[in-house]
Amino acid sequence: MTSNKTILIVEDDPGLRSQMRWALSDFDVHVAEDRTSALSVLRKENPNAVVLDLGLPPDPNGTSEGFATLEAILAFKPETKVIIATGNEERKNALEAIASGAYDFYPKPVDIDVLCLVLNRALHLFELEEENRRLSLSKRESALTGIIADSRGMNKVCQLVERVAPAEVSVLLTGESGTGKEILARALHDLGDRSANPFVAINCAAIPENLLESELFGHEKGAFTGAIRQTVGKMEKADGGTLFLDEVGDMPLALQAKLLRFLQARVIERGGGNAEISVDVRIVSATNQNLEEMIEQKTFRDDLFYRLNEVAIRIPPLRERERDVVLLAKYVLKKFGGELGRKVKGFTRDALSAMVDYEWPGNVRELENKVKRAIVLCEGSMITAADLDLASRDIEVAFPTLKQVREKSDFEAVTRALGVTNNKVSAAARLLGVSRPTLYQLMKQFDLRE
């Protein structure tokens, strides 16, 4: 494991290299004489700080090779603290190096005490930045921990969320009710640069039309009967953070126009007021409706759709996520079993089979409700299909044998490889990573003639 005091000295003078290596014995010192050897040591030893002389061969009297080495070091490991060795007459070069990404410089002739001070300060800063990166990574990993998934579709969704989160773009989450749109909206916020600021959600379908505008944009005192005080809307409360518009397809057309004006100008006016208020928010919206059909029916504005839909993420329904059903059920059981005071150990085989077979029209929300209900009603230590209020089916029908799964997978891989290579056995064998005799044996097994 690399020491946190590992440093690299890049110096073409062998005497000076030896002197510095001896004088800096408190550090884990490695040396190099030119760019090639420096990059070799960098890859092998992974130093956290580099002491770099700009005058390196084949340009020992100039700086071109030194600057090229600096650029190569920072390209390979940008967090490395590079300290430039410079004489008084070379101060301009040192400042140029710092502008190019170097951490600091030290004067020649070498004062070991000064150099040790600079190195210790650089390594301390490296440690602080490394810890910050670890904490940031930990936060980013935890943001998706509420999403229980092992299916290909949901894994793609999670990967897309991680890629899109740092970008300042509006995101539209689409999917049936109960698929977890708000959890993903929160993940987009938590993984982005606005995570330290508010995440504010508003359900456009749950608030009466005559109150939705005030809820979103706020109002001034006296704006309408009953407005006895100034009220800040959700938009302002989310300033600097993320505003999540759930069920945005239910937003009235008049309010859609006002939202569009905000997205164009990034200013709002509270109800009953005339002052323009700048608001900086990222918009994440969600709907279970087909907005493109609504545009054709003139119930949703196409210009607003394009503003909200800079990146679209479709969340697959649970019926397309067979591999997630049992995972989710076990998660819900573990989470709520103790809370509900029931010592339920797991699911019977008929319960597992029934859950896999069921269509789950209510998606994850329905599965959670059924499992919680079963925890309460279960009379034994195992939840049955009857406890879940699901019809059971024979387990052997629901789950193929491992032999059947392997044969199906092998058949699909062989036929695909032969198709891609136009039935050339040698090329297909290379694609599959097997020998020609093995492929011939598989072709015979599956009755695939050459």
Foldseek 3Di string as FASTA:
>chain_A
DADLQEEEEADQDPVVVVVLCVLVVVGNYHYHDFLVVVVVCCVVRVHQEYEFEQQGPPRNPDRPRRLVSLVVSCVVPVRRAYEYEEEPVCVVVQVVSVVVRHNYYDYPPDDSVVVVVVSVVSSVVSVVVVVVVVVLVVQLVVLCPVPQADFPQVVVLSVVLLVCLAPQAFEEEEEAAPLCPVSSVSSSFSNYPLVVFDEEEDEQVPDDQVCVLCQAAWAAQPLDPPSNHTTHHSQQSRASGAYEYEQCLNHFPVVLVQVLVCLVVQWGAHRPGDDTHHGDYRYYYYHHDDVVVCVVVVGHPPSSVCRNPVDYRYRYFVLVRLVRQQVLLVVLCVVCLVVVPAQADEADLQLNQQSSPDNPSNGSVLSSVLSNQLSVVPPDNHGYNVSSVTDGDDNCVSDPDPVVVVLVVLVVLLVVLCVVVVNDQCSSCVVVVHDSVVSVVNCVVVVNDD
